[in-house]
Amino acid sequence: MLLTLTCPQNLIRQYTWRDWYFRHPDIVDTPADIAASDVEARMHVDHCIEALRLSLMCHGDTTPLLITLDPTAPLGSRADFSNHHKCVNFDSLGRWMKEHQLADPWQAGDSGEKPHHHG
């Protein structure tokens, strides 16, 4: 779950609108992750999607979802999304991650590899 927080909160959404950012530099700054080469941007988004997939598989919500028959609904039933879920405070979790993170090995400069940033 913590890995998903290393991806910028809006990266996947921004990637799906990437061409819009390139067409409107006068009204919005194009995020660096989106402005990267096509391959680099896609690889970063793929990494974030994979992190989300793993998080969903490992930490799936088991709160029951009630679906009731409703002949007036387009599909003949309605889902009740008002169930109570207990969520973590992501601001607190983010602060904890920053306070407890290890030094970034890519910043050390020993490997000669290009640093990979997540926001």
C-alpha atoms as a PDB file:
ATOM      1  CA  MET A   1       0.000   0.000   0.000  1.00  0.00           C
ATOM      2  CA  LEU A   2       2.765   2.462   0.822  1.00  0.00           C
ATOM      3  CA  LEU A   3       4.280   1.954  -2.623  1.00  0.00           C
ATOM      4  CA  THR A   4       1.188   3.455  -4.223  1.00  0.00           C
ATOM      5  CA  LEU A   5       1.898   6.671  -2.325  1.00  0.00           C
ATOM      6  CA  THR A   6       5.224   7.023  -4.118  1.00  0.00           C
ATOM      7  CA  CYS A   7       3.337   7.769  -7.335  1.00  0.00           C
ATOM      8  CA  PRO A   8       2.121  11.342  -7.636  1.00  0.00           C
ATOM      9  CA  GLN A   9      -1.555  11.442  -6.706  1.00  0.00           C
ATOM     10  CA  ASN A  10      -2.680  12.598 -10.142  1.00  0.00           C
ATOM     11  CA  LEU A  11      -0.152  10.889 -12.417  1.00  0.00           C
ATOM     12  CA  ILE A  12      -2.453   8.302 -13.986  1.00  0.00           C
ATOM     13  CA  ARG A  13      -5.220  10.841 -14.540  1.00  0.00           C
ATOM     14  CA  GLN A  14      -2.745  13.374 -15.948  1.00  0.00           C
ATOM     15  CA  TYR A  15      -1.278  10.747 -18.260  1.00  0.00           C
ATOM     16  CA  THR A  16      -4.688  10.043 -19.771  1.00  0.00           C
ATOM     17  CA  TRP A  17      -4.925  13.783 -20.535  1.00  0.00           C
ATOM     18  CA  ARG A  18      -1.258  14.148 -21.561  1.00  0.00           C
ATOM     19  CA  ASP A  19      -2.030  15.717 -24.949  1.00  0.00           C
ATOM     20  CA  TRP A  20      -4.197  18.352 -23.233  1.00  0.00           C
ATOM     21  CA  TYR A  21      -1.250  19.448 -21.057  1.00  0.00           C
ATOM     22  CA  PHE A  22       0.957  19.764 -24.148  1.00  0.00           C
ATOM     23  CA  ARG A  23      -1.685  21.857 -25.949  1.00  0.00           C
ATOM     24  CA  HIS A  24      -2.231  24.273 -23.027  1.00  0.00           C
ATOM     25  CA  PRO A  25       1.177  25.327 -21.675  1.00  0.00           C
ATOM     26  CA  ASP A  26      -0.202  28.862 -21.304  1.00  0.00           C
ATOM     27  CA  ILE A  27      -2.669  27.860 -18.577  1.00  0.00           C
ATOM     28  CA  VAL A  28      -1.104  24.821 -16.867  1.00  0.00           C
ATOM     29  CA  ASP A  29       2.379  23.584 -16.071  1.00  0.00           C
ATOM     30  CA  THR A  30       3.026  20.166 -17.544  1.00  0.00           C
ATOM     31  CA  PRO A  31       4.164  17.863 -14.725  1.00  0.00           C
ATOM     32  CA  ALA A  32       7.717  16.560 -15.210  1.00  0.00           C
ATOM     33  CA  ASP A  33       6.547  12.939 -15.199  1.00  0.00           C
ATOM     34  CA  ILE A  34       4.154  13.737 -18.054  1.00  0.00           C
ATOM     35  CA  ALA A  35       6.673  15.846 -19.979  1.00  0.00           C
ATOM     36  CA  ALA A  36       9.166  12.968 -20.068  1.00  0.00           C
ATOM     37  CA  SER A  37       9.688  10.971 -23.254  1.00  0.00           C
ATOM     38  CA  ASP A  38       6.760   8.819 -24.393  1.00  0.00           C
ATOM     39  CA  VAL A  39       8.465   5.636 -23.225  1.00  0.00           C
ATOM     40  CA  GLU A  40       9.601   7.069 -19.881  1.00  0.00           C
ATOM     41  CA  ALA A  41       6.164   8.531 -19.102  1.00  0.00           C
ATOM     42  CA  ARG A  42       4.434   5.271 -20.029  1.00  0.00           C
ATOM     43  CA  MET A  43       6.864   3.211 -17.939  1.00  0.00           C
ATOM     44  CA  HIS A  44       6.216   5.415 -14.906  1.00  0.00           C
ATOM     45  CA  VAL A  45       2.446   5.152 -15.316  1.00  0.00           C
ATOM     46  CA  ASP A  46       2.726   1.375 -15.802  1.00  0.00           C
ATOM     47  CA  HIS A  47       4.700   1.207 -12.540  1.00  0.00           C
ATOM     48  CA  CYS A  48       1.954   3.154 -10.734  1.00  0.00           C
ATOM     49  CA  ILE A  49      -0.816   0.969 -12.188  1.00  0.00           C
ATOM     50  CA  GLU A  50       1.062  -2.155 -11.103  1.00  0.00           C
ATOM     51  CA  ALA A  51       1.528  -0.726  -7.598  1.00  0.00           C
ATOM     52  CA  LEU A  52      -2.207   0.002  -7.413  1.00  0.00           C
ATOM     53  CA  ARG A  53      -3.047  -3.494  -8.672  1.00  0.00           C
ATOM     54  CA  LEU A  54      -0.882  -5.082  -6.003  1.00  0.00           C
ATOM     55  CA  SER A  55      -2.309  -2.838  -3.320  1.00  0.00           C
ATOM     56  CA  LEU A  56      -5.870  -3.719  -4.290  1.00  0.00           C
ATOM     57  CA  MET A  57      -5.051  -7.411  -4.304  1.00  0.00           C
ATOM     58  CA  CYS A  58      -3.263  -7.319  -0.946  1.00  0.00           C
ATOM     59  CA  HIS A  59      -5.492  -4.839   0.872  1.00  0.00           C
ATOM     60  CA  GLY A  60      -8.858  -5.339  -0.765  1.00  0.00           C
ATOM     61  CA  ASP A  61     -11.843  -3.879   1.023  1.00  0.00           C
ATOM     62  CA  THR A  62     -14.079  -6.625   2.385  1.00  0.00           C
ATOM     63  CA  THR A  63     -16.929  -4.282   3.311  1.00  0.00           C
ATOM     64  CA  PRO A  64     -20.112  -5.858   1.921  1.00  0.00           C
ATOM     65  CA  LEU A  65     -21.772  -4.005  -0.931  1.00  0.00           C
ATOM     66  CA  LEU A  66     -25.548  -4.216  -0.874  1.00  0.00           C
ATOM     67  CA  ILE A  67     -27.225  -4.508  -4.260  1.00  0.00           C
ATOM     68  CA  THR A  68     -31.003  -4.269  -4.387  1.00  0.00           C
ATOM     69  CA  LEU A  69     -33.350  -5.077  -7.230  1.00  0.00           C
ATOM     70  CA  ASP A  70     -34.871  -1.941  -8.700  1.00  0.00           C
ATOM     71  CA  PRO A  71     -36.879  -2.228 -11.913  1.00  0.00           C
ATOM     72  CA  THR A  72     -36.612   1.558 -12.432  1.00  0.00           C
ATOM     73  CA  ALA A  73     -32.786   1.441 -12.536  1.00  0.00           C
ATOM     74  CA  PRO A  74     -31.091   1.192 -15.977  1.00  0.00           C
ATOM     75  CA  LEU A  75     -29.666  -2.272 -15.171  1.00  0.00           C
ATOM     76  CA  GLY A  76     -32.547  -3.430 -12.964  1.00  0.00           C
ATOM     77  CA  SER A  77     -30.628  -3.056  -9.703  1.00  0.00           C
ATOM     78  CA  ARG A  78     -28.899  -0.431  -7.571  1.00  0.00           C
ATOM     79  CA  ALA A  79     -25.765  -0.605  -5.474  1.00  0.00           C
ATOM     80  CA  ASP A  80     -25.675   1.154  -2.105  1.00  0.00           C
ATOM     81  CA  PHE A  81     -22.293   2.908  -1.955  1.00  0.00           C
ATOM     82  CA  SER A  82     -23.012   4.589   1.392  1.00  0.00           C
ATOM     83  CA  ASN A  83     -21.472   1.745   3.427  1.00  0.00           C
ATOM     84  CA  HIS A  84     -19.132   2.833   6.217  1.00  0.00           C
ATOM     85  CA  HIS A  85     -15.445   2.191   5.514  1.00  0.00           C
ATOM     86  CA  LYS A  86     -12.602   2.821   7.953  1.00  0.00           C
ATOM     87  CA  CYS A  87      -9.751   4.471   6.097  1.00  0.00           C
ATOM     88  CA  VAL A  88      -6.305   5.606   7.161  1.00  0.00           C
ATOM     89  CA  ASN A  89      -5.395   9.272   7.355  1.00  0.00           C
ATOM     90  CA  PHE A  90      -3.194   9.621   4.256  1.00  0.00           C
ATOM     91  CA  ASP A  91      -1.707  12.941   5.376  1.00  0.00           C
ATOM     92  CA  SER A  92      -0.468  11.319   8.588  1.00  0.00           C
ATOM     93  CA  LEU A  93       0.740   8.267   6.691  1.00  0.00           C
ATOM     94  CA  GLY A  94       2.624  10.472   4.217  1.00  0.00           C
ATOM     95  CA  ARG A  95       4.301  12.401   7.050  1.00  0.00           C
ATOM     96  CA  TRP A  96       5.294   9.121   8.718  1.00  0.00           C
ATOM     97  CA  MET A  97       6.783   7.854   5.438  1.00  0.00           C
ATOM     98  CA  LYS A  98       8.853  11.020   5.000  1.00  0.00           C
ATOM     99  CA  GLU A  99      10.104  10.905   8.576  1.00  0.00           C
ATOM    100  CA  HIS A 100      11.133   7.245   8.300  1.00  0.00           C
ATOM    101  CA  GLN A 101      12.424   6.999   4.739  1.00  0.00           C
ATOM    102  CA  LEU A 102      15.905   5.748   3.995  1.00  0.00           C
ATOM    103  CA  ALA A 103      18.374   7.664   1.838  1.00  0.00           C
ATOM    104  CA  ASP A 104      17.637   7.324  -1.876  1.00  0.00           C
ATOM    105  CA  PRO A 105      20.342   5.046  -3.335  1.00  0.00           C
ATOM    106  CA  TRP A 106      19.927   6.655  -6.777  1.00  0.00           C
ATOM    107  CA  GLN A 107      20.891  10.032  -5.341  1.00  0.00           C
ATOM    108  CA  ALA A 108      24.226   8.676  -4.126  1.00  0.00           C
ATOM    109  CA  GLY A 109      25.636   8.954  -7.633  1.00  0.00           C
ATOM    110  CA  ASP A 110      27.749   5.790  -7.394  1.00  0.00           C
ATOM    111  CA  SER A 111      25.767   3.648  -9.820  1.00  0.00           C
ATOM    112  CA  GLY A 112      25.923   5.962 -12.823  1.00  0.00           C
ATOM    113  CA  GLU A 113      22.212   5.253 -13.373  1.00  0.00           C
ATOM    114  CA  LYS A 114      19.659   7.962 -13.945  1.00  0.00           C
ATOM    115  CA  PRO A 115      17.641   8.861 -10.801  1.00  0.00           C
ATOM    116  CA  HIS A 116      13.965   7.862 -10.917  1.00  0.00           C
ATOM    117  CA  HIS A 117      11.649  10.340  -9.190  1.00  0.00           C
ATOM    118  CA  HIS A 118       8.073   9.899  -8.035  1.00  0.00           C
ATOM    119  CA  GLY A 119       6.894  13.423  -7.615  1.00  0.00           C
END
